[in-house]
C-alpha atoms as a PDB file:
ATOM      1  CA  UNK A   1      38.006 127.079-121.897  1.00  0.00           C
ATOM      2  CA  UNK A   2      40.452 129.952-122.415  1.00  0.00           C
ATOM      3  CA  UNK A   3      43.668 130.141-120.434  1.00  0.00           C
ATOM      4  CA  UNK A   4      42.355 133.095-118.469  1.00  0.00           C
ATOM      5  CA  UNK A   5      39.365 131.093-117.255  1.00  0.00           C
ATOM      6  CA  UNK A   6      41.454 128.311-115.720  1.00  0.00           C
ATOM      7  CA  UNK A   7      42.577 130.142-112.590  1.00  0.00           C
ATOM      8  CA  UNK A   8      43.555 126.957-110.764  1.00  0.00           C
ATOM      9  CA  UNK A   9      46.470 126.567-113.223  1.00  0.00           C
ATOM     10  CA  UNK A  10      49.476 128.638-112.106  1.00  0.00           C
ATOM     11  CA  UNK A  11      50.700 129.580-115.635  1.00  0.00           C
ATOM     12  CA  UNK A  12      47.189 130.617-116.657  1.00  0.00           C
ATOM     13  CA  UNK A  13      46.803 132.648-113.493  1.00  0.00           C
ATOM     14  CA  UNK A  14      50.110 134.412-114.203  1.00  0.00           C
ATOM     15  CA  UNK A  15      48.972 135.282-117.730  1.00  0.00           C
ATOM     16  CA  UNK A  16      45.718 136.667-116.350  1.00  0.00           C
ATOM     17  CA  UNK A  17      47.573 138.799-113.810  1.00  0.00           C
ATOM     18  CA  UNK A  18      49.926 140.077-116.505  1.00  0.00           C
ATOM     19  CA  UNK A  19      46.992 141.171-118.642  1.00  0.00           C
ATOM     20  CA  UNK A  20      45.361 142.902-115.677  1.00  0.00           C
ATOM     21  CA  UNK A  21      48.613 144.671-114.715  1.00  0.00           C
ATOM     22  CA  UNK A  22      48.972 145.901-118.273  1.00  0.00           C
ATOM     23  CA  UNK A  23      45.459 147.335-118.099  1.00  0.00           C
ATOM     24  CA  UNK A  24      46.071 149.017-114.739  1.00  0.00           C
ATOM     25  CA  UNK A  25      49.317 150.651-115.823  1.00  0.00           C
ATOM     26  CA  UNK A  26      48.423 151.660-119.378  1.00  0.00           C
ATOM     27  CA  UNK A  27      44.680 152.295-119.288  1.00  0.00           C
ATOM     28  CA  UNK A  28      43.981 153.508-115.765  1.00  0.00           C
ATOM     29  CA  UNK A  29      47.205 155.523-115.379  1.00  0.00           C
ATOM     30  CA  UNK A  30      47.699 154.338-111.804  1.00  0.00           C
ATOM     31  CA  UNK A  31      51.103 154.511-110.151  1.00  0.00           C
ATOM     32  CA  UNK A  32      53.640 151.686-110.169  1.00  0.00           C
ATOM     33  CA  UNK A  33      53.006 151.182-106.452  1.00  0.00           C
ATOM     34  CA  UNK A  34      49.238 150.868-106.974  1.00  0.00           C
ATOM     35  CA  UNK A  35      49.777 148.486-109.888  1.00  0.00           C
ATOM     36  CA  UNK A  36      52.012 146.314-107.721  1.00  0.00           C
ATOM     37  CA  UNK A  37      49.567 146.404-104.795  1.00  0.00           C
ATOM     38  CA  UNK A  38      46.526 145.607-106.982  1.00  0.00           C
ATOM     39  CA  UNK A  39      48.314 142.696-108.614  1.00  0.00           C
ATOM     40  CA  UNK A  40      49.250 141.292-105.203  1.00  0.00           C
ATOM     41  CA  UNK A  41      45.675 141.739-103.955  1.00  0.00           C
ATOM     42  CA  UNK A  42      44.121 140.038-106.978  1.00  0.00           C
ATOM     43  CA  UNK A  43      46.655 137.218-106.757  1.00  0.00           C
ATOM     44  CA  UNK A  44      45.588 136.709-103.132  1.00  0.00           C
ATOM     45  CA  UNK A  45      41.925 136.696-104.189  1.00  0.00           C
ATOM     46  CA  UNK A  46      42.533 134.133-106.920  1.00  0.00           C
ATOM     47  CA  UNK A  47      44.532 131.919-104.568  1.00  0.00           C
ATOM     48  CA  UNK A  48      41.739 132.077-101.968  1.00  0.00           C
ATOM     49  CA  UNK A  49      39.148 131.289-104.639  1.00  0.00           C
ATOM     50  CA  UNK A  50      41.040 128.215-105.882  1.00  0.00           C
ATOM     51  CA  UNK A  51      41.462 126.935-102.319  1.00  0.00           C
ATOM     52  CA  UNK A  52      37.697 127.242-101.902  1.00  0.00           C
ATOM     53  CA  UNK A  53      36.767 125.322-105.025  1.00  0.00           C
ATOM     54  CA  UNK A  54      36.894 127.847-107.857  1.00  0.00           C
ATOM     55  CA  UNK A  55      38.402 126.756-111.160  1.00  0.00           C
ATOM     56  CA  UNK A  56      37.199 129.601-113.397  1.00  0.00           C
ATOM     57  CA  UNK A  57      36.626 133.312-112.883  1.00  0.00           C
ATOM     58  CA  UNK A  58      32.874 132.753-113.139  1.00  0.00           C
ATOM     59  CA  UNK A  59      33.082 130.693-109.942  1.00  0.00           C
ATOM     60  CA  UNK A  60      33.959 133.863-107.989  1.00  0.00           C
ATOM     61  CA  UNK A  61      30.662 135.169-106.673  1.00  0.00           C
ATOM     62  CA  UNK A  62      29.625 137.772-104.112  1.00  0.00           C
ATOM     63  CA  UNK A  63      29.662 135.238-101.270  1.00  0.00           C
ATOM     64  CA  UNK A  64      33.244 134.255-102.089  1.00  0.00           C
ATOM     65  CA  UNK A  65      34.315 137.899-102.264  1.00  0.00           C
ATOM     66  CA  UNK A  66      32.811 138.560 -98.854  1.00  0.00           C
ATOM     67  CA  UNK A  67      34.420 135.441 -97.426  1.00  0.00           C
ATOM     68  CA  UNK A  68      37.811 136.555 -98.762  1.00  0.00           C
ATOM     69  CA  UNK A  69      37.533 140.005 -97.201  1.00  0.00           C
ATOM     70  CA  UNK A  70      36.262 138.467 -93.969  1.00  0.00           C
ATOM     71  CA  UNK A  71      39.360 136.262 -93.857  1.00  0.00           C
ATOM     72  CA  UNK A  72      41.491 139.383 -94.260  1.00  0.00           C
ATOM     73  CA  UNK A  73      39.676 141.075 -91.403  1.00  0.00           C
ATOM     74  CA  UNK A  74      40.143 137.983 -89.245  1.00  0.00           C
ATOM     75  CA  UNK A  75      43.872 138.188 -90.007  1.00  0.00           C
ATOM     76  CA  UNK A  76      43.825 141.677 -88.416  1.00  0.00           C
ATOM     77  CA  UNK A  77      44.447 143.573 -91.646  1.00  0.00           C
ATOM     78  CA  UNK A  78      43.956 147.312 -91.270  1.00  0.00           C
ATOM     79  CA  UNK A  79      40.825 149.015 -92.577  1.00  0.00           C
ATOM     80  CA  UNK A  80      42.979 150.800 -95.143  1.00  0.00           C
ATOM     81  CA  UNK A  81      44.289 147.462 -96.431  1.00  0.00           C
ATOM     82  CA  UNK A  82      40.777 146.016 -96.556  1.00  0.00           C
ATOM     83  CA  UNK A  83      39.545 149.053 -98.470  1.00  0.00           C
ATOM     84  CA  UNK A  84      42.393 148.775-100.981  1.00  0.00           C
ATOM     85  CA  UNK A  85      41.843 145.042-101.481  1.00  0.00           C
ATOM     86  CA  UNK A  86      38.151 145.618-102.033  1.00  0.00           C
ATOM     87  CA  UNK A  87      39.003 148.308-104.594  1.00  0.00           C
ATOM     88  CA  UNK A  88      41.459 145.960-106.304  1.00  0.00           C
ATOM     89  CA  UNK A  89      38.832 143.211-106.525  1.00  0.00           C
ATOM     90  CA  UNK A  90      36.244 145.609-107.971  1.00  0.00           C
ATOM     91  CA  UNK A  91      38.711 146.963-110.528  1.00  0.00           C
ATOM     92  CA  UNK A  92      39.767 143.461-111.541  1.00  0.00           C
ATOM     93  CA  UNK A  93      36.267 142.024-111.869  1.00  0.00           C
ATOM     94  CA  UNK A  94      34.932 145.076-113.716  1.00  0.00           C
ATOM     95  CA  UNK A  95      37.818 144.668-116.171  1.00  0.00           C
ATOM     96  CA  UNK A  96      37.126 140.924-116.464  1.00  0.00           C
ATOM     97  CA  UNK A  97      33.469 141.607-117.270  1.00  0.00           C
ATOM     98  CA  UNK A  98      34.343 144.310-119.789  1.00  0.00           C
ATOM     99  CA  UNK A  99      36.775 141.977-121.578  1.00  0.00           C
ATOM    100  CA  UNK A 100      34.264 139.083-121.587  1.00  0.00           C
ATOM    101  CA  UNK A 101      36.286 136.971-119.168  1.00  0.00           C
ATOM    102  CA  UNK A 102      33.231 136.691-116.931  1.00  0.00           C
ATOM    103  CA  UNK A 103      29.537 136.944-117.686  1.00  0.00           C
ATOM    104  CA  UNK A 104      28.539 139.057-114.656  1.00  0.00           C
ATOM    105  CA  UNK A 105      30.562 141.281-112.326  1.00  0.00           C
ATOM    106  CA  UNK A 106      29.824 140.009-108.779  1.00  0.00           C
ATOM    107  CA  UNK A 107      31.545 142.971-107.129  1.00  0.00           C
ATOM    108  CA  UNK A 108      28.796 145.420-108.105  1.00  0.00           C
ATOM    109  CA  UNK A 109      27.037 144.580-104.827  1.00  0.00           C
ATOM    110  CA  UNK A 110      30.212 144.524-102.733  1.00  0.00           C
ATOM    111  CA  UNK A 111      30.098 147.199-100.043  1.00  0.00           C
ATOM    112  CA  UNK A 112      33.006 149.575 -99.627  1.00  0.00           C
ATOM    113  CA  UNK A 113      35.055 149.301 -96.460  1.00  0.00           C
ATOM    114  CA  UNK A 114      35.120 152.617 -94.630  1.00  0.00           C
ATOM    115  CA  UNK A 115      38.599 153.814 -93.835  1.00  0.00           C
ATOM    116  CA  UNK A 116      39.116 155.742 -90.641  1.00  0.00           C
ATOM    117  CA  UNK A 117      40.977 158.958 -91.331  1.00  0.00           C
ATOM    118  CA  UNK A 118      42.862 160.055 -88.226  1.00  0.00           C
ATOM    119  CA  UNK A 119      44.491 163.445 -88.437  1.00  0.00           C
ATOM    120  CA  UNK A 120      48.079 163.028 -89.609  1.00  0.00           C
ATOM    121  CA  UNK A 121      50.920 163.760 -87.215  1.00  0.00           C
ATOM    122  CA  UNK A 122      52.671 167.060 -87.861  1.00  0.00           C
ATOM    123  CA  UNK A 123      55.550 168.885 -86.217  1.00  0.00           C
ATOM    124  CA  UNK A 124      55.481 172.404 -84.873  1.00  0.00           C
ATOM    125  CA  UNK A 125      57.568 174.938 -86.783  1.00  0.00           C
ATOM    126  CA  UNK A 126      60.151 174.959 -84.012  1.00  0.00           C
ATOM    127  CA  UNK A 127      60.499 171.176 -84.143  1.00  0.00           C
ATOM    128  CA  UNK A 128      60.970 171.214 -87.928  1.00  0.00           C
ATOM    129  CA  UNK A 129      63.605 173.916 -87.552  1.00  0.00           C
ATOM    130  CA  UNK A 130      65.392 171.781 -84.949  1.00  0.00           C
ATOM    131  CA  UNK A 131      65.438 168.765 -87.295  1.00  0.00           C
ATOM    132  CA  UNK A 132      66.770 170.719 -90.264  1.00  0.00           C
ATOM    133  CA  UNK A 133      69.243 172.784 -88.212  1.00  0.00           C
ATOM    134  CA  UNK A 134      70.656 169.621 -86.667  1.00  0.00           C
ATOM    135  CA  UNK A 135      71.068 168.097 -90.115  1.00  0.00           C
ATOM    136  CA  UNK A 136      72.693 171.268 -91.444  1.00  0.00           C
ATOM    137  CA  UNK A 137      75.174 171.367 -88.578  1.00  0.00           C
ATOM    138  CA  UNK A 138      76.050 167.734 -89.238  1.00  0.00           C
ATOM    139  CA  UNK A 139      76.569 168.541 -92.914  1.00  0.00           C
ATOM    140  CA  UNK A 140      79.174 171.081 -91.846  1.00  0.00           C
ATOM    141  CA  UNK A 141      81.753 168.294 -91.772  1.00  0.00           C
ATOM    142  CA  UNK A 142      81.572 168.186 -95.581  1.00  0.00           C
ATOM    143  CA  UNK A 143      80.750 164.486 -95.770  1.00  0.00           C
ATOM    144  CA  UNK A 144      78.726 163.884 -98.928  1.00  0.00           C
ATOM    145  CA  UNK A 145      76.031 161.739 -97.289  1.00  0.00           C
ATOM    146  CA  UNK A 146      75.488 164.335 -94.552  1.00  0.00           C
ATOM    147  CA  UNK A 147      75.091 167.134 -97.101  1.00  0.00           C
ATOM    148  CA  UNK A 148      72.647 164.948 -99.042  1.00  0.00           C
ATOM    149  CA  UNK A 149      70.592 164.205 -95.938  1.00  0.00           C
ATOM    150  CA  UNK A 150      70.353 167.889 -95.033  1.00  0.00           C
ATOM    151  CA  UNK A 151      69.342 168.751 -98.602  1.00  0.00           C
ATOM    152  CA  UNK A 152      66.601 166.154 -98.932  1.00  0.00           C
ATOM    153  CA  UNK A 153      65.147 167.205 -95.556  1.00  0.00           C
ATOM    154  CA  UNK A 154      65.084 170.826 -96.692  1.00  0.00           C
ATOM    155  CA  UNK A 155      63.452 169.841 -99.973  1.00  0.00           C
ATOM    156  CA  UNK A 156      60.860 167.499 -98.500  1.00  0.00           C
ATOM    157  CA  UNK A 157      59.665 170.169 -96.090  1.00  0.00           C
ATOM    158  CA  UNK A 158      59.947 173.042 -98.578  1.00  0.00           C
ATOM    159  CA  UNK A 159      57.904 171.324-101.290  1.00  0.00           C
ATOM    160  CA  UNK A 160      55.674 168.825 -99.496  1.00  0.00           C
ATOM    161  CA  UNK A 161      56.403 166.238-102.196  1.00  0.00           C
ATOM    162  CA  UNK A 162      55.978 162.494-101.684  1.00  0.00           C
ATOM    163  CA  UNK A 163      59.037 160.375-100.966  1.00  0.00           C
ATOM    164  CA  UNK A 164      58.547 158.509-104.246  1.00  0.00           C
ATOM    165  CA  UNK A 165      58.500 161.810-106.130  1.00  0.00           C
ATOM    166  CA  UNK A 166      61.734 162.861-104.453  1.00  0.00           C
ATOM    167  CA  UNK A 167      63.454 159.577-105.320  1.00  0.00           C
ATOM    168  CA  UNK A 168      62.359 159.669-108.963  1.00  0.00           C
ATOM    169  CA  UNK A 169      63.446 163.292-109.535  1.00  0.00           C
ATOM    170  CA  UNK A 170      66.329 163.822-111.970  1.00  0.00           C
ATOM    171  CA  UNK A 171      68.892 166.606-112.251  1.00  0.00           C
ATOM    172  CA  UNK A 172      67.045 168.178-115.177  1.00  0.00           C
ATOM    173  CA  UNK A 173      63.953 168.580-112.997  1.00  0.00           C
ATOM    174  CA  UNK A 174      65.592 171.232-110.783  1.00  0.00           C
ATOM    175  CA  UNK A 175      65.571 174.901-111.758  1.00  0.00           C
ATOM    176  CA  UNK A 176      67.779 176.740-109.275  1.00  0.00           C
ATOM    177  CA  UNK A 177      67.163 180.137-110.893  1.00  0.00           C
ATOM    178  CA  UNK A 178      63.383 179.830-110.596  1.00  0.00           C
ATOM    179  CA  UNK A 179      63.601 177.735-107.401  1.00  0.00           C
ATOM    180  CA  UNK A 180      61.236 175.052-108.723  1.00  0.00           C
ATOM    181  CA  UNK A 181      61.223 171.271-108.916  1.00  0.00           C
ATOM    182  CA  UNK A 182      59.309 169.296-111.550  1.00  0.00           C
ATOM    183  CA  UNK A 183      57.888 166.024-110.206  1.00  0.00           C
ATOM    184  CA  UNK A 184      55.849 163.164-111.602  1.00  0.00           C
ATOM    185  CA  UNK A 185      53.014 162.404-109.201  1.00  0.00           C
ATOM    186  CA  UNK A 186      50.251 159.842-108.943  1.00  0.00           C
ATOM    187  CA  UNK A 187      48.575 158.916-112.187  1.00  0.00           C
ATOM    188  CA  UNK A 188      51.688 160.111-114.071  1.00  0.00           C
ATOM    189  CA  UNK A 189      50.593 163.714-113.528  1.00  0.00           C
ATOM    190  CA  UNK A 190      53.416 166.214-113.757  1.00  0.00           C
ATOM    191  CA  UNK A 191      53.540 169.359-111.668  1.00  0.00           C
ATOM    192  CA  UNK A 192      56.060 172.070-110.829  1.00  0.00           C
ATOM    193  CA  UNK A 193      56.581 172.839-107.140  1.00  0.00           C
ATOM    194  CA  UNK A 194      58.322 175.932-105.757  1.00  0.00           C
ATOM    195  CA  UNK A 195      60.883 175.896-102.957  1.00  0.00           C
ATOM    196  CA  UNK A 196      62.533 178.594-100.864  1.00  0.00           C
ATOM    197  CA  UNK A 197      65.988 180.045-100.399  1.00  0.00           C
ATOM    198  CA  UNK A 198      67.120 177.612 -97.651  1.00  0.00           C
ATOM    199  CA  UNK A 199      66.342 174.625 -99.880  1.00  0.00           C
ATOM    200  CA  UNK A 200      68.167 176.287-102.775  1.00  0.00           C
ATOM    201  CA  UNK A 201      71.222 176.862-100.581  1.00  0.00           C
ATOM    202  CA  UNK A 202      71.261 173.195 -99.608  1.00  0.00           C
ATOM    203  CA  UNK A 203      70.769 172.085-103.228  1.00  0.00           C
ATOM    204  CA  UNK A 204      73.704 174.191-104.405  1.00  0.00           C
ATOM    205  CA  UNK A 205      75.952 172.614-101.762  1.00  0.00           C
ATOM    206  CA  UNK A 206      74.748 169.140-102.723  1.00  0.00           C
ATOM    207  CA  UNK A 207      75.018 169.591-106.482  1.00  0.00           C
ATOM    208  CA  UNK A 208      78.356 171.403-106.532  1.00  0.00           C
ATOM    209  CA  UNK A 209      80.383 169.352-104.067  1.00  0.00           C
ATOM    210  CA  UNK A 210      78.623 166.428-102.390  1.00  0.00           C
ATOM    211  CA  UNK A 211      76.830 164.744-105.300  1.00  0.00           C
ATOM    212  CA  UNK A 212      79.980 164.573-107.450  1.00  0.00           C
ATOM    213  CA  UNK A 213      81.699 162.803-104.547  1.00  0.00           C
ATOM    214  CA  UNK A 214      79.062 160.039-104.575  1.00  0.00           C
ATOM    215  CA  UNK A 215      78.608 159.781-108.344  1.00  0.00           C
ATOM    216  CA  UNK A 216      80.149 156.914-110.294  1.00  0.00           C
ATOM    217  CA  UNK A 217      80.758 156.487-114.003  1.00  0.00           C
ATOM    218  CA  UNK A 218      77.516 154.513-114.317  1.00  0.00           C
ATOM    219  CA  UNK A 219      75.428 156.661-111.953  1.00  0.00           C
ATOM    220  CA  UNK A 220      71.999 157.703-113.257  1.00  0.00           C
ATOM    221  CA  UNK A 221      70.959 161.347-113.654  1.00  0.00           C
ATOM    222  CA  UNK A 222      69.038 161.060-110.387  1.00  0.00           C
ATOM    223  CA  UNK A 223      68.850 164.170-108.247  1.00  0.00           C
ATOM    224  CA  UNK A 224      69.730 162.174-105.126  1.00  0.00           C
ATOM    225  CA  UNK A 225      72.173 159.287-104.988  1.00  0.00           C
ATOM    226  CA  UNK A 226      72.824 156.541-102.474  1.00  0.00           C
ATOM    227  CA  UNK A 227      76.232 155.744-101.033  1.00  0.00           C
ATOM    228  CA  UNK A 228      77.018 153.379-103.922  1.00  0.00           C
ATOM    229  CA  UNK A 229      76.200 155.928-106.586  1.00  0.00           C
ATOM    230  CA  UNK A 230      72.774 154.574-107.545  1.00  0.00           C
ATOM    231  CA  UNK A 231      69.440 156.354-107.320  1.00  0.00           C
ATOM    232  CA  UNK A 232      68.393 156.738-103.693  1.00  0.00           C
ATOM    233  CA  UNK A 233      65.351 154.628-102.752  1.00  0.00           C
ATOM    234  CA  UNK A 234      62.396 155.421-100.447  1.00  0.00           C
ATOM    235  CA  UNK A 235      63.668 153.119 -97.707  1.00  0.00           C
ATOM    236  CA  UNK A 236      66.916 155.092 -97.465  1.00  0.00           C
ATOM    237  CA  UNK A 237      65.010 158.379 -97.317  1.00  0.00           C
ATOM    238  CA  UNK A 238      62.801 157.036 -94.523  1.00  0.00           C
ATOM    239  CA  UNK A 239      65.901 156.023 -92.585  1.00  0.00           C
ATOM    240  CA  UNK A 240      67.309 159.534 -93.025  1.00  0.00           C
ATOM    241  CA  UNK A 241      64.139 161.201 -91.732  1.00  0.00           C
ATOM    242  CA  UNK A 242      63.806 158.864 -88.752  1.00  0.00           C
ATOM    243  CA  UNK A 243      67.472 159.399 -87.852  1.00  0.00           C
ATOM    244  CA  UNK A 244      67.124 163.182 -88.212  1.00  0.00           C
ATOM    245  CA  UNK A 245      64.127 163.416 -85.865  1.00  0.00           C
ATOM    246  CA  UNK A 246      65.931 161.218 -83.341  1.00  0.00           C
ATOM    247  CA  UNK A 247      69.072 163.365 -83.527  1.00  0.00           C
ATOM    248  CA  UNK A 248      67.006 166.517 -82.961  1.00  0.00           C
ATOM    249  CA  UNK A 249      65.141 164.822 -80.087  1.00  0.00           C
ATOM    250  CA  UNK A 250      61.691 165.545 -81.531  1.00  0.00           C
ATOM    251  CA  UNK A 251      58.692 163.333 -82.242  1.00  0.00           C
ATOM    252  CA  UNK A 252      59.529 160.538 -84.684  1.00  0.00           C
ATOM    253  CA  UNK A 253      58.263 161.191 -88.169  1.00  0.00           C
ATOM    254  CA  UNK A 254      58.299 159.484 -91.584  1.00  0.00           C
ATOM    255  CA  UNK A 255      58.835 161.409 -94.849  1.00  0.00           C
ATOM    256  CA  UNK A 256      55.072 161.568 -95.362  1.00  0.00           C
ATOM    257  CA  UNK A 257      54.881 163.311 -91.992  1.00  0.00           C
ATOM    258  CA  UNK A 258      57.014 166.114 -93.415  1.00  0.00           C
ATOM    259  CA  UNK A 259      54.519 166.352 -96.285  1.00  0.00           C
ATOM    260  CA  UNK A 260      51.649 166.675 -93.790  1.00  0.00           C
ATOM    261  CA  UNK A 261      53.659 169.211 -91.816  1.00  0.00           C
ATOM    262  CA  UNK A 262      54.415 171.333 -94.887  1.00  0.00           C
ATOM    263  CA  UNK A 263      50.731 171.363 -95.899  1.00  0.00           C
ATOM    264  CA  UNK A 264      49.593 172.353 -92.422  1.00  0.00           C
ATOM    265  CA  UNK A 265      52.147 175.142 -92.135  1.00  0.00           C
ATOM    266  CA  UNK A 266      51.184 176.494 -95.567  1.00  0.00           C
ATOM    267  CA  UNK A 267      47.549 176.759 -94.510  1.00  0.00           C
ATOM    268  CA  UNK A 268      48.434 178.227 -91.136  1.00  0.00           C
ATOM    269  CA  UNK A 269      50.565 180.778 -92.944  1.00  0.00           C
ATOM    270  CA  UNK A 270      47.627 181.950 -95.052  1.00  0.00           C
ATOM    271  CA  UNK A 271      47.785 179.852 -98.238  1.00  0.00           C
ATOM    272  CA  UNK A 272      44.427 179.004 -99.795  1.00  0.00           C
ATOM    273  CA  UNK A 273      43.264 175.423-100.249  1.00  0.00           C
ATOM    274  CA  UNK A 274      43.494 175.455-104.037  1.00  0.00           C
ATOM    275  CA  UNK A 275      47.143 176.519-103.964  1.00  0.00           C
ATOM    276  CA  UNK A 276      48.021 173.851-101.422  1.00  0.00           C
ATOM    277  CA  UNK A 277      46.135 171.283-103.521  1.00  0.00           C
ATOM    278  CA  UNK A 278      48.266 172.204-106.535  1.00  0.00           C
ATOM    279  CA  UNK A 279      51.506 172.070-104.567  1.00  0.00           C
ATOM    280  CA  UNK A 280      50.721 168.668-103.058  1.00  0.00           C
ATOM    281  CA  UNK A 281      49.333 167.217-106.279  1.00  0.00           C
ATOM    282  CA  UNK A 282      46.033 166.105-104.758  1.00  0.00           C
ATOM    283  CA  UNK A 283      43.457 164.983-107.310  1.00  0.00           C
ATOM    284  CA  UNK A 284      40.622 165.981-104.983  1.00  0.00           C
ATOM    285  CA  UNK A 285      40.259 169.108-102.897  1.00  0.00           C
ATOM    286  CA  UNK A 286      38.619 166.949-100.219  1.00  0.00           C
ATOM    287  CA  UNK A 287      42.012 165.351 -99.541  1.00  0.00           C
ATOM    288  CA  UNK A 288      43.597 168.750 -98.969  1.00  0.00           C
ATOM    289  CA  UNK A 289      40.748 169.812 -96.684  1.00  0.00           C
ATOM    290  CA  UNK A 290      41.968 167.384 -94.020  1.00  0.00           C
ATOM    291  CA  UNK A 291      44.612 169.930 -93.123  1.00  0.00           C
ATOM    292  CA  UNK A 292      42.036 172.577 -92.277  1.00  0.00           C
ATOM    293  CA  UNK A 293      40.906 170.284 -89.439  1.00  0.00           C
ATOM    294  CA  UNK A 294      44.451 170.155 -88.080  1.00  0.00           C
ATOM    295  CA  UNK A 295      44.724 173.927 -88.179  1.00  0.00           C
ATOM    296  CA  UNK A 296      41.364 174.295 -86.442  1.00  0.00           C
ATOM    297  CA  UNK A 297      42.422 171.889 -83.699  1.00  0.00           C
ATOM    298  CA  UNK A 298      45.601 173.869 -83.121  1.00  0.00           C
ATOM    299  CA  UNK A 299      43.657 177.110 -83.023  1.00  0.00           C
ATOM    300  CA  UNK A 300      41.299 175.716 -80.376  1.00  0.00           C
ATOM    301  CA  UNK A 301      44.253 174.391 -78.370  1.00  0.00           C
ATOM    302  CA  UNK A 302      46.036 177.754 -78.473  1.00  0.00           C
ATOM    303  CA  UNK A 303      42.815 179.538 -77.502  1.00  0.00           C
ATOM    304  CA  UNK A 304      42.234 177.205 -74.573  1.00  0.00           C
ATOM    305  CA  UNK A 305      45.742 177.816 -73.272  1.00  0.00           C
ATOM    306  CA  UNK A 306      45.872 181.569 -73.812  1.00  0.00           C
ATOM    307  CA  UNK A 307      42.397 183.045 -73.284  1.00  0.00           C
ATOM    308  CA  UNK A 308      41.444 183.788 -69.663  1.00  0.00           C
ATOM    309  CA  UNK A 309      37.827 182.770 -70.296  1.00  0.00           C
ATOM    310  CA  UNK A 310      38.441 179.842 -72.628  1.00  0.00           C
END
């Protein structure tokens, strides 16, 4: 037997996972986060399989796959998690069949878990203004971290970029003259996103005075830095957004909520779906179309409140 077949052996399992991760990152072009999640999911599947008597990949059949997903459901995993784990298993087993690690792909008959898609939470324009204005007023004290927080809030709302895209942006990606930001999105797809005058004003303040105060000799060329001079990470950005909404006394929101809010406000302001799709970096227009439902709901709500015969 080859080392990849002996999944009950920890070193062999690690080698198999390494080979799969290499495929996911280099061949499929999926993001680092997806690669990490898929590896974790497949590792969980292999561990479950070994505990239930499997010693080779060929021992994983449709019944075992269903039992694994059923155990996840019993553990109260969300439908989104179940859907991702099912996708990870299908990707892994299809790859294993293609590379002759298994004779037959048992996941071909595995049903997809349906993910409920509730409308994302968004803030009204007045609430967003309150969040950003509060952050700008706080930045008036000149403290570098406060200026940074105001700037990243302005930029997140102005561009609708993902938090990971914000954290990975470098200084060279900003064009203040053109008011654009180049970001690397999912699937390593690059796009250029415009931003407005308020975001440019904040960026100038951050780049000219605040960022140099946080930078160290060994700091990276990251657009945004943490308090110790390293590249800011998504957790820090989430903390900033949560703190900003609390300070403005508006509904709590995560960075992705600002992305949803920006998309909704673009559509409500008259932007077409294709333009919003390009700005957000959605691979499918169907993903962008979710925001038309939000706008329609708001329109019905406004009509019901304002029209005498609603």
